[in-house]
Amino acid sequence: MDFLLSGVAACGACLFTNPLEVVKTRMQLQGELQSRGTYQVYYRNVFHAFYTIGKVDGLAALQKGLAPGLVYQFFMNGVRLGSYAIIESSGYIHTNGRVSGIKSTIAGSVAGVVGAVMGSPIYLVKTHLQSQSTSSIAVGHQYKHQGMSHALRVIYREHGVVGLWRGSSAAVARVSVGSAAQLSTFSSSKEFVTDLQVFPKDSWLVALSAGMISSVVVVLGMTPFDVVSTRLYNQPVDQAGKGLLYKGFSDCFSKTLRKEGLVGLYKGLGASYFRLGPHTILSLFFWHELRKSYQQVR
């Protein structure tokens, strides 16, 4: 039940934040491996990106990749949050009755790695679909997939099972860092907000406040890994399935840093917060409330 409730909570958040994921993906691919000022800027900021995508590609384009997004959130976060819930319930993350920062970080990271590996093929497809756009505002490599099932069939036919897990090295780093930051700060923040006694102990406002604190830490720690992950997933590949731009996670990280500077690793930071912030807040809030409701019914 922990796994099911966790998956449903993440899907609920995804319905609201998927348009922001589309914007974030486009902004992270814009000016890939090009120095600032040497490329055309189609998306000046989050709000301009929303306007441009809606105007040129149509409003429906803001929900591109929703199907794989929901599948990814259900399975990846179902496993991630479900695993963490079991670890938390067993008392592992507590020391002398208080949340241990080290233990909760390790638990969050391990749960994140398991979820990232399982969900990697779907995230690959989601990135391909969300980067697709009209040629006049296209950024990054443009795949010609017609949908989630078509994309999975094409990738499997051309590159086999290994091709479906291409880029998973970046996904593991991205989700393990993000998960460790998110879940450890969420547990600690809940305890901190409860100790302040600003809200009643079991109030939904405790989970909401903890989610807001956690979201800031997640975005700052996760964005560089998110940029690298998006680029590795979206890069063109040769017939053998090897990337034409990057050899792997460290190569992508170093090339981006060298060509675009530190700013390149934080491309789409605003979009990342507008997407990851609400998603973190909503998914953790839904997760906490669903678990609380289930325990009351049981």
C-alpha atoms as a PDB file:
ATOM      1  CA  MET A   1       0.000   0.000   0.000  1.00  0.00           C
ATOM      2  CA  ASP A   2       2.935   2.367   0.691  1.00  0.00           C
ATOM      3  CA  PHE A   3       4.110   1.888  -2.912  1.00  0.00           C
ATOM      4  CA  LEU A   4       0.608   2.441  -4.346  1.00  0.00           C
ATOM      5  CA  LEU A   5      -0.096   5.575  -2.308  1.00  0.00           C
ATOM      6  CA  SER A   6       3.320   6.990  -3.200  1.00  0.00           C
ATOM      7  CA  GLY A   7       2.717   6.438  -6.922  1.00  0.00           C
ATOM      8  CA  VAL A   8      -0.744   8.036  -6.811  1.00  0.00           C
ATOM      9  CA  ALA A   9       0.635  11.062  -4.915  1.00  0.00           C
ATOM     10  CA  ALA A  10       3.353  11.614  -7.535  1.00  0.00           C
ATOM     11  CA  CYS A  11       0.867  11.315 -10.420  1.00  0.00           C
ATOM     12  CA  GLY A  12      -1.394  13.888  -8.782  1.00  0.00           C
ATOM     13  CA  ALA A  13       1.514  16.341  -8.671  1.00  0.00           C
ATOM     14  CA  CYS A  14       2.531  15.514 -12.266  1.00  0.00           C
ATOM     15  CA  LEU A  15      -0.842  16.580 -13.686  1.00  0.00           C
ATOM     16  CA  PHE A  16      -0.187  20.127 -12.455  1.00  0.00           C
ATOM     17  CA  THR A  17       3.551  20.375 -13.140  1.00  0.00           C
ATOM     18  CA  ASN A  18       3.995  18.669 -16.539  1.00  0.00           C
ATOM     19  CA  PRO A  19       3.767  21.962 -18.529  1.00  0.00           C
ATOM     20  CA  LEU A  20       6.623  23.274 -16.401  1.00  0.00           C
ATOM     21  CA  GLU A  21       8.599  20.111 -17.205  1.00  0.00           C
ATOM     22  CA  VAL A  22       8.173  20.854 -20.934  1.00  0.00           C
ATOM     23  CA  VAL A  23       9.427  24.425 -20.416  1.00  0.00           C
ATOM     24  CA  LYS A  24      12.337  23.230 -18.254  1.00  0.00           C
ATOM     25  CA  THR A  25      13.428  20.640 -20.830  1.00  0.00           C
ATOM     26  CA  ARG A  26      13.426  23.194 -23.677  1.00  0.00           C
ATOM     27  CA  MET A  27      15.380  25.768 -21.647  1.00  0.00           C
ATOM     28  CA  GLN A  28      17.993  23.208 -20.600  1.00  0.00           C
ATOM     29  CA  LEU A  29      18.607  22.206 -24.228  1.00  0.00           C
ATOM     30  CA  GLN A  30      18.740  25.776 -25.520  1.00  0.00           C
ATOM     31  CA  GLY A  31      22.274  26.802 -26.554  1.00  0.00           C
ATOM     32  CA  GLU A  32      23.666  23.334 -25.867  1.00  0.00           C
ATOM     33  CA  LEU A  33      27.514  23.447 -25.878  1.00  0.00           C
ATOM     34  CA  GLN A  34      27.492  27.018 -27.220  1.00  0.00           C
ATOM     35  CA  SER A  35      28.945  30.085 -25.533  1.00  0.00           C
ATOM     36  CA  ARG A  36      26.542  32.721 -24.297  1.00  0.00           C
ATOM     37  CA  GLY A  37      25.625  35.210 -27.037  1.00  0.00           C
ATOM     38  CA  THR A  38      26.466  32.850 -29.928  1.00  0.00           C
ATOM     39  CA  TYR A  39      23.038  31.249 -30.332  1.00  0.00           C
ATOM     40  CA  GLN A  40      19.470  32.388 -30.884  1.00  0.00           C
ATOM     41  CA  VAL A  41      17.426  32.560 -27.696  1.00  0.00           C
ATOM     42  CA  TYR A  42      13.910  31.265 -28.306  1.00  0.00           C
ATOM     43  CA  TYR A  43      12.980  31.094 -24.616  1.00  0.00           C
ATOM     44  CA  ARG A  44      14.076  34.143 -22.598  1.00  0.00           C
ATOM     45  CA  ASN A  45      12.543  33.021 -19.304  1.00  0.00           C
ATOM     46  CA  VAL A  46       9.851  30.739 -17.909  1.00  0.00           C
ATOM     47  CA  PHE A  47       6.941  33.007 -18.788  1.00  0.00           C
ATOM     48  CA  HIS A  48       8.247  33.795 -22.279  1.00  0.00           C
ATOM     49  CA  ALA A  49       8.761  30.058 -22.875  1.00  0.00           C
ATOM     50  CA  PHE A  50       5.141  29.359 -21.899  1.00  0.00           C
ATOM     51  CA  TYR A  51       3.947  32.062 -24.273  1.00  0.00           C
ATOM     52  CA  THR A  52       6.195  30.966 -27.154  1.00  0.00           C
ATOM     53  CA  ILE A  53       5.355  27.262 -26.905  1.00  0.00           C
ATOM     54  CA  GLY A  54       1.629  27.991 -26.605  1.00  0.00           C
ATOM     55  CA  LYS A  55       1.678  30.400 -29.540  1.00  0.00           C
ATOM     56  CA  VAL A  56       3.857  28.389 -31.950  1.00  0.00           C
ATOM     57  CA  ASP A  57       3.249  24.750 -30.995  1.00  0.00           C
ATOM     58  CA  GLY A  58      -0.251  25.217 -29.560  1.00  0.00           C
ATOM     59  CA  LEU A  59      -1.511  24.954 -25.991  1.00  0.00           C
ATOM     60  CA  ALA A  60      -1.626  21.142 -26.190  1.00  0.00           C
ATOM     61  CA  ALA A  61       2.177  21.138 -26.588  1.00  0.00           C
ATOM     62  CA  LEU A  62       2.476  22.299 -22.975  1.00  0.00           C
ATOM     63  CA  GLN A  63       1.260  18.822 -21.964  1.00  0.00           C
ATOM     64  CA  LYS A  64       3.660  16.933 -24.223  1.00  0.00           C
ATOM     65  CA  GLY A  65       5.006  13.793 -22.630  1.00  0.00           C
ATOM     66  CA  LEU A  66       2.174  13.627 -20.097  1.00  0.00           C
ATOM     67  CA  ALA A  67       1.562   9.885 -20.608  1.00  0.00           C
ATOM     68  CA  PRO A  68       5.192   8.819 -20.004  1.00  0.00           C
ATOM     69  CA  GLY A  69       5.365  11.482 -17.288  1.00  0.00           C
ATOM     70  CA  LEU A  70       2.523   9.839 -15.373  1.00  0.00           C
ATOM     71  CA  VAL A  71       3.913   6.328 -15.894  1.00  0.00           C
ATOM     72  CA  TYR A  72       7.363   7.487 -14.775  1.00  0.00           C
ATOM     73  CA  GLN A  73       6.039   9.251 -11.689  1.00  0.00           C
ATOM     74  CA  PHE A  74       3.901   6.274 -10.682  1.00  0.00           C
ATOM     75  CA  PHE A  75       6.635   3.661 -10.940  1.00  0.00           C
ATOM     76  CA  MET A  76       9.732   5.714 -10.087  1.00  0.00           C
ATOM     77  CA  ASN A  77       8.215   7.649  -7.202  1.00  0.00           C
ATOM     78  CA  GLY A  78       6.072   4.698  -6.184  1.00  0.00           C
ATOM     79  CA  VAL A  79       9.256   2.701  -5.633  1.00  0.00           C
ATOM     80  CA  ARG A  80      11.245   5.670  -4.269  1.00  0.00           C
ATOM     81  CA  LEU A  81       8.719   7.038  -1.777  1.00  0.00           C
ATOM     82  CA  GLY A  82       7.379   3.566  -0.978  1.00  0.00           C
ATOM     83  CA  SER A  83      10.866   2.299  -0.137  1.00  0.00           C
ATOM     84  CA  TYR A  84      11.564   5.359   1.989  1.00  0.00           C
ATOM     85  CA  ALA A  85       8.228   4.991   3.799  1.00  0.00           C
ATOM     86  CA  ILE A  86       9.118   1.417   4.738  1.00  0.00           C
ATOM     87  CA  ILE A  87      12.605   2.469   5.881  1.00  0.00           C
ATOM     88  CA  GLU A  88      11.084   5.353   7.875  1.00  0.00           C
ATOM     89  CA  SER A  89       8.426   3.132   9.474  1.00  0.00           C
ATOM     90  CA  SER A  90      11.099   0.629  10.528  1.00  0.00           C
ATOM     91  CA  GLY A  91      12.739   3.409  12.569  1.00  0.00           C
ATOM     92  CA  TYR A  92      16.048   3.288  10.673  1.00  0.00           C
ATOM     93  CA  ILE A  93      16.269   7.053  10.061  1.00  0.00           C
ATOM     94  CA  HIS A  94      15.833   7.895  13.754  1.00  0.00           C
ATOM     95  CA  THR A  95      18.496   8.135  16.447  1.00  0.00           C
ATOM     96  CA  ASN A  96      17.302   8.534  20.035  1.00  0.00           C
ATOM     97  CA  GLY A  97      13.809   9.335  18.792  1.00  0.00           C
ATOM     98  CA  ARG A  98      14.940  12.171  16.475  1.00  0.00           C
ATOM     99  CA  VAL A  99      15.482  12.201  12.695  1.00  0.00           C
ATOM    100  CA  SER A 100      19.138  11.543  11.851  1.00  0.00           C
ATOM    101  CA  GLY A 101      20.369  13.735   8.993  1.00  0.00           C
ATOM    102  CA  ILE A 102      22.961  11.199   7.834  1.00  0.00           C
ATOM    103  CA  LYS A 103      20.646   8.183   8.015  1.00  0.00           C
ATOM    104  CA  SER A 104      17.734   9.948   6.283  1.00  0.00           C
ATOM    105  CA  THR A 105      20.077  11.190   3.521  1.00  0.00           C
ATOM    106  CA  ILE A 106      21.432   7.669   2.922  1.00  0.00           C
ATOM    107  CA  ALA A 107      17.919   6.187   2.964  1.00  0.00           C
ATOM    108  CA  GLY A 108      16.641   8.828   0.542  1.00  0.00           C
ATOM    109  CA  SER A 109      19.586   8.287  -1.799  1.00  0.00           C
ATOM    110  CA  VAL A 110      19.207   4.490  -1.858  1.00  0.00           C
ATOM    111  CA  ALA A 111      15.455   4.766  -2.467  1.00  0.00           C
ATOM    112  CA  GLY A 112      16.171   7.251  -5.275  1.00  0.00           C
ATOM    113  CA  VAL A 113      18.675   4.988  -7.040  1.00  0.00           C
ATOM    114  CA  VAL A 114      16.229   2.063  -7.094  1.00  0.00           C
ATOM    115  CA  GLY A 115      13.473   4.261  -8.514  1.00  0.00           C
ATOM    116  CA  ALA A 116      15.750   5.935 -11.095  1.00  0.00           C
ATOM    117  CA  VAL A 117      16.988   2.651 -12.571  1.00  0.00           C
ATOM    118  CA  MET A 118      13.450   1.293 -12.896  1.00  0.00           C
ATOM    119  CA  GLY A 119      12.027   4.457 -14.447  1.00  0.00           C
ATOM    120  CA  SER A 120      14.921   5.363 -16.769  1.00  0.00           C
ATOM    121  CA  PRO A 121      13.447   4.063 -20.087  1.00  0.00           C
ATOM    122  CA  ILE A 122      10.248   6.042 -19.559  1.00  0.00           C
ATOM    123  CA  TYR A 123      12.163   9.204 -18.633  1.00  0.00           C
ATOM    124  CA  LEU A 124      14.214   8.790 -21.828  1.00  0.00           C
ATOM    125  CA  VAL A 125      11.034   8.751 -23.918  1.00  0.00           C
ATOM    126  CA  LYS A 126       9.502  11.621 -21.965  1.00  0.00           C
ATOM    127  CA  THR A 127      12.540  13.819 -22.670  1.00  0.00           C
ATOM    128  CA  HIS A 128      12.418  13.008 -26.399  1.00  0.00           C
ATOM    129  CA  LEU A 129       8.725  13.873 -26.633  1.00  0.00           C
ATOM    130  CA  GLN A 130       8.951  17.087 -24.621  1.00  0.00           C
ATOM    131  CA  SER A 131      11.834  18.446 -26.697  1.00  0.00           C
ATOM    132  CA  GLN A 132       9.922  17.919 -29.975  1.00  0.00           C
ATOM    133  CA  SER A 133       8.721  21.193 -31.442  1.00  0.00           C
ATOM    134  CA  THR A 134       8.119  23.212 -34.606  1.00  0.00           C
ATOM    135  CA  SER A 135      11.417  23.853 -36.412  1.00  0.00           C
ATOM    136  CA  SER A 136      11.193  27.612 -35.834  1.00  0.00           C
ATOM    137  CA  ILE A 137      11.646  27.182 -32.044  1.00  0.00           C
ATOM    138  CA  ALA A 138      13.397  23.789 -31.943  1.00  0.00           C
ATOM    139  CA  VAL A 139      16.256  23.241 -29.484  1.00  0.00           C
ATOM    140  CA  GLY A 140      18.398  20.138 -29.040  1.00  0.00           C
ATOM    141  CA  HIS A 141      18.185  17.009 -31.175  1.00  0.00           C
ATOM    142  CA  GLN A 142      14.709  16.396 -32.596  1.00  0.00           C
ATOM    143  CA  TYR A 143      13.426  12.820 -32.452  1.00  0.00           C
ATOM    144  CA  LYS A 144      10.356  11.940 -34.545  1.00  0.00           C
ATOM    145  CA  HIS A 145       8.447   9.752 -32.114  1.00  0.00           C
ATOM    146  CA  GLN A 146       4.666   9.587 -32.464  1.00  0.00           C
ATOM    147  CA  GLY A 147       3.978   8.730 -28.844  1.00  0.00           C
ATOM    148  CA  MET A 148       5.225   6.760 -25.865  1.00  0.00           C
ATOM    149  CA  SER A 149       4.607   3.215 -27.170  1.00  0.00           C
ATOM    150  CA  HIS A 150       5.972   4.121 -30.624  1.00  0.00           C
ATOM    151  CA  ALA A 151       9.121   5.587 -29.061  1.00  0.00           C
ATOM    152  CA  LEU A 152       9.729   2.497 -26.901  1.00  0.00           C
ATOM    153  CA  ARG A 153       9.292   0.196 -29.924  1.00  0.00           C
ATOM    154  CA  VAL A 154      11.634   2.261 -32.121  1.00  0.00           C
ATOM    155  CA  ILE A 155      14.379   2.502 -29.486  1.00  0.00           C
ATOM    156  CA  TYR A 156      14.131  -1.224 -28.699  1.00  0.00           C
ATOM    157  CA  ARG A 157      14.141  -2.188 -32.388  1.00  0.00           C
ATOM    158  CA  GLU A 158      17.177  -0.029 -33.198  1.00  0.00           C
ATOM    159  CA  HIS A 159      19.280  -0.400 -30.038  1.00  0.00           C
ATOM    160  CA  GLY A 160      17.855  -3.291 -28.025  1.00  0.00           C
ATOM    161  CA  VAL A 161      17.265  -3.407 -24.264  1.00  0.00           C
ATOM    162  CA  VAL A 162      20.528  -1.550 -23.572  1.00  0.00           C
ATOM    163  CA  GLY A 163      19.266   1.385 -25.662  1.00  0.00           C
ATOM    164  CA  LEU A 164      16.259   1.785 -23.371  1.00  0.00           C
ATOM    165  CA  TRP A 165      18.558   2.396 -20.411  1.00  0.00           C
ATOM    166  CA  ARG A 166      20.814   4.872 -22.248  1.00  0.00           C
ATOM    167  CA  GLY A 167      21.549   7.856 -20.013  1.00  0.00           C
ATOM    168  CA  SER A 168      20.611   6.020 -16.839  1.00  0.00           C
ATOM    169  CA  SER A 169      23.989   6.902 -15.282  1.00  0.00           C
ATOM    170  CA  ALA A 170      22.904  10.545 -15.175  1.00  0.00           C
ATOM    171  CA  ALA A 171      19.442   9.572 -13.955  1.00  0.00           C
ATOM    172  CA  VAL A 172      20.925   7.674 -11.013  1.00  0.00           C
ATOM    173  CA  ALA A 173      23.055  10.685 -10.014  1.00  0.00           C
ATOM    174  CA  ARG A 174      20.154  13.103 -10.573  1.00  0.00           C
ATOM    175  CA  VAL A 175      17.549  11.192  -8.592  1.00  0.00           C
ATOM    176  CA  SER A 176      19.874   9.989  -5.811  1.00  0.00           C
ATOM    177  CA  VAL A 177      21.004  13.579  -5.102  1.00  0.00           C
ATOM    178  CA  GLY A 178      17.481  14.973  -5.454  1.00  0.00           C
ATOM    179  CA  SER A 179      15.912  12.178  -3.430  1.00  0.00           C
ATOM    180  CA  ALA A 180      18.486  12.414  -0.633  1.00  0.00           C
ATOM    181  CA  ALA A 181      17.986  16.194  -0.434  1.00  0.00           C
ATOM    182  CA  GLN A 182      14.201  15.982  -0.700  1.00  0.00           C
ATOM    183  CA  LEU A 183      13.414  13.197   1.746  1.00  0.00           C
ATOM    184  CA  SER A 184      16.015  14.059   4.382  1.00  0.00           C
ATOM    185  CA  THR A 185      14.997  17.747   4.461  1.00  0.00           C
ATOM    186  CA  PHE A 186      11.291  16.827   4.387  1.00  0.00           C
ATOM    187  CA  SER A 187      11.635  14.566   7.433  1.00  0.00           C
ATOM    188  CA  SER A 188      13.777  17.125   9.283  1.00  0.00           C
ATOM    189  CA  SER A 189      11.530  20.035   8.267  1.00  0.00           C
ATOM    190  CA  LYS A 190       8.394  18.239   9.487  1.00  0.00           C
ATOM    191  CA  GLU A 191      10.086  17.708  12.834  1.00  0.00           C
ATOM    192  CA  PHE A 192      11.273  21.350  12.900  1.00  0.00           C
ATOM    193  CA  VAL A 193       7.838  22.807  12.026  1.00  0.00           C
ATOM    194  CA  THR A 194       6.167  20.526  14.580  1.00  0.00           C
ATOM    195  CA  ASP A 195       8.624  21.667  17.274  1.00  0.00           C
ATOM    196  CA  LEU A 196       7.782  25.317  16.525  1.00  0.00           C
ATOM    197  CA  GLN A 197       4.134  24.503  17.382  1.00  0.00           C
ATOM    198  CA  VAL A 198       2.923  27.011  14.781  1.00  0.00           C
ATOM    199  CA  PHE A 199       0.346  24.490  13.562  1.00  0.00           C
ATOM    200  CA  PRO A 200      -1.443  21.582  15.274  1.00  0.00           C
ATOM    201  CA  LYS A 201       0.727  18.427  15.240  1.00  0.00           C
ATOM    202  CA  ASP A 202      -1.307  16.500  12.646  1.00  0.00           C
ATOM    203  CA  SER A 203      -2.280  19.534  10.544  1.00  0.00           C
ATOM    204  CA  TRP A 204      -1.835  19.305   6.755  1.00  0.00           C
ATOM    205  CA  LEU A 205      -0.033  22.665   7.016  1.00  0.00           C
ATOM    206  CA  VAL A 206       2.932  20.894   8.672  1.00  0.00           C
ATOM    207  CA  ALA A 207       3.480  18.706   5.588  1.00  0.00           C
ATOM    208  CA  LEU A 208       2.889  21.666   3.259  1.00  0.00           C
ATOM    209  CA  SER A 209       5.439  23.851   5.080  1.00  0.00           C
ATOM    210  CA  ALA A 210       7.987  21.032   5.158  1.00  0.00           C
ATOM    211  CA  GLY A 211       7.493  20.490   1.428  1.00  0.00           C
ATOM    212  CA  MET A 212       8.126  24.187   0.716  1.00  0.00           C
ATOM    213  CA  ILE A 213      11.403  24.124   2.679  1.00  0.00           C
ATOM    214  CA  SER A 214      12.475  20.881   1.009  1.00  0.00           C
ATOM    215  CA  SER A 215      11.758  22.187  -2.509  1.00  0.00           C
ATOM    216  CA  VAL A 216      14.371  24.979  -2.260  1.00  0.00           C
ATOM    217  CA  VAL A 217      17.115  22.536  -1.227  1.00  0.00           C
ATOM    218  CA  VAL A 218      16.109  20.073  -3.948  1.00  0.00           C
ATOM    219  CA  VAL A 219      16.232  22.636  -6.774  1.00  0.00           C
ATOM    220  CA  LEU A 220      19.625  24.062  -5.785  1.00  0.00           C
ATOM    221  CA  GLY A 221      21.213  20.632  -5.402  1.00  0.00           C
ATOM    222  CA  MET A 222      19.546  18.858  -8.292  1.00  0.00           C
ATOM    223  CA  THR A 223      19.528  21.340 -11.212  1.00  0.00           C
ATOM    224  CA  PRO A 224      23.097  20.689 -12.510  1.00  0.00           C
ATOM    225  CA  PHE A 225      22.392  16.940 -12.531  1.00  0.00           C
ATOM    226  CA  ASP A 226      19.025  17.593 -14.159  1.00  0.00           C
ATOM    227  CA  VAL A 227      20.651  19.571 -17.002  1.00  0.00           C
ATOM    228  CA  VAL A 228      23.201  16.794 -17.618  1.00  0.00           C
ATOM    229  CA  SER A 229      20.468  14.145 -17.481  1.00  0.00           C
ATOM    230  CA  THR A 230      18.265  15.962 -20.008  1.00  0.00           C
ATOM    231  CA  ARG A 231      21.160  16.410 -22.441  1.00  0.00           C
ATOM    232  CA  LEU A 232      22.371  12.809 -22.182  1.00  0.00           C
ATOM    233  CA  TYR A 233      18.885  11.468 -22.799  1.00  0.00           C
ATOM    234  CA  ASN A 234      18.209  13.780 -25.731  1.00  0.00           C
ATOM    235  CA  GLN A 235      21.568  13.621 -27.574  1.00  0.00           C
ATOM    236  CA  PRO A 236      21.678  11.973 -31.034  1.00  0.00           C
ATOM    237  CA  VAL A 237      23.223   8.487 -31.210  1.00  0.00           C
ATOM    238  CA  ASP A 238      25.006   6.424 -33.863  1.00  0.00           C
ATOM    239  CA  GLN A 239      23.865   3.031 -35.164  1.00  0.00           C
ATOM    240  CA  ALA A 240      25.477   1.310 -32.210  1.00  0.00           C
ATOM    241  CA  GLY A 241      23.491   3.492 -29.799  1.00  0.00           C
ATOM    242  CA  LYS A 242      26.499   5.512 -28.613  1.00  0.00           C
ATOM    243  CA  GLY A 243      26.038   9.228 -28.000  1.00  0.00           C
ATOM    244  CA  LEU A 244      27.450  11.604 -30.607  1.00  0.00           C
ATOM    245  CA  LEU A 245      27.882  14.535 -28.192  1.00  0.00           C
ATOM    246  CA  TYR A 246      28.763  12.957 -24.850  1.00  0.00           C
ATOM    247  CA  LYS A 247      30.411   9.720 -23.705  1.00  0.00           C
ATOM    248  CA  GLY A 248      28.672   9.730 -20.347  1.00  0.00           C
ATOM    249  CA  PHE A 249      27.798  11.679 -17.231  1.00  0.00           C
ATOM    250  CA  SER A 250      31.251  13.088 -16.404  1.00  0.00           C
ATOM    251  CA  ASP A 251      31.940  13.981 -20.054  1.00  0.00           C
ATOM    252  CA  CYS A 252      28.657  15.889 -20.347  1.00  0.00           C
ATOM    253  CA  PHE A 253      29.227  17.643 -17.025  1.00  0.00           C
ATOM    254  CA  SER A 254      32.768  18.767 -17.938  1.00  0.00           C
ATOM    255  CA  LYS A 255      31.876  19.825 -21.501  1.00  0.00           C
ATOM    256  CA  THR A 256      28.918  21.877 -20.331  1.00  0.00           C
ATOM    257  CA  LEU A 257      31.001  23.537 -17.615  1.00  0.00           C
ATOM    258  CA  ARG A 258      33.872  24.270 -20.036  1.00  0.00           C
ATOM    259  CA  LYS A 259      31.715  25.583 -22.913  1.00  0.00           C
ATOM    260  CA  GLU A 260      28.934  27.363 -21.028  1.00  0.00           C
ATOM    261  CA  GLY A 261      30.379  27.937 -17.573  1.00  0.00           C
ATOM    262  CA  LEU A 262      28.606  27.353 -14.263  1.00  0.00           C
ATOM    263  CA  VAL A 263      25.580  29.197 -15.672  1.00  0.00           C
ATOM    264  CA  GLY A 264      25.184  26.383 -18.214  1.00  0.00           C
ATOM    265  CA  LEU A 265      24.722  23.831 -15.438  1.00  0.00           C
ATOM    266  CA  TYR A 266      21.991  26.004 -13.944  1.00  0.00           C
ATOM    267  CA  LYS A 267      20.147  26.663 -17.204  1.00  0.00           C
ATOM    268  CA  GLY A 268      16.425  26.727 -16.654  1.00  0.00           C
ATOM    269  CA  LEU A 269      16.869  27.273 -12.887  1.00  0.00           C
ATOM    270  CA  GLY A 270      13.690  29.359 -12.756  1.00  0.00           C
ATOM    271  CA  ALA A 271      11.773  26.723 -14.693  1.00  0.00           C
ATOM    272  CA  SER A 272      13.308  24.041 -12.474  1.00  0.00           C
ATOM    273  CA  TYR A 273      12.015  25.751  -9.346  1.00  0.00           C
ATOM    274  CA  PHE A 274       8.582  26.447 -10.806  1.00  0.00           C
ATOM    275  CA  ARG A 275       8.426  22.782 -11.794  1.00  0.00           C
ATOM    276  CA  LEU A 276      10.355  20.996  -9.020  1.00  0.00           C
ATOM    277  CA  GLY A 277       9.128  23.356  -6.317  1.00  0.00           C
ATOM    278  CA  PRO A 278       5.391  22.746  -6.775  1.00  0.00           C
ATOM    279  CA  HIS A 279       6.005  19.096  -7.659  1.00  0.00           C
ATOM    280  CA  THR A 280       8.000  18.534  -4.479  1.00  0.00           C
ATOM    281  CA  ILE A 281       5.439  20.380  -2.370  1.00  0.00           C
ATOM    282  CA  LEU A 282       2.433  18.642  -3.945  1.00  0.00           C
ATOM    283  CA  SER A 283       3.868  15.102  -4.113  1.00  0.00           C
ATOM    284  CA  LEU A 284       5.160  15.185  -0.521  1.00  0.00           C
ATOM    285  CA  PHE A 285       1.908  16.761   0.686  1.00  0.00           C
ATOM    286  CA  PHE A 286      -0.277  14.201  -1.157  1.00  0.00           C
ATOM    287  CA  TRP A 287       2.016  11.381   0.030  1.00  0.00           C
ATOM    288  CA  HIS A 288       1.816  12.483   3.676  1.00  0.00           C
ATOM    289  CA  GLU A 289      -1.952  13.001   3.625  1.00  0.00           C
ATOM    290  CA  LEU A 290      -2.707   9.729   1.775  1.00  0.00           C
ATOM    291  CA  ARG A 291      -0.555   7.761   4.216  1.00  0.00           C
ATOM    292  CA  LYS A 292      -2.231   9.492   7.170  1.00  0.00           C
ATOM    293  CA  SER A 293      -5.710   8.770   5.766  1.00  0.00           C
ATOM    294  CA  TYR A 294      -4.854   5.126   5.104  1.00  0.00           C
ATOM    295  CA  GLN A 295      -3.516   4.644   8.632  1.00  0.00           C
ATOM    296  CA  GLN A 296      -6.691   6.191  10.077  1.00  0.00           C
ATOM    297  CA  VAL A 297      -8.942   3.902   7.984  1.00  0.00           C
ATOM    298  CA  ARG A 298      -6.846   0.829   8.786  1.00  0.00           C
END
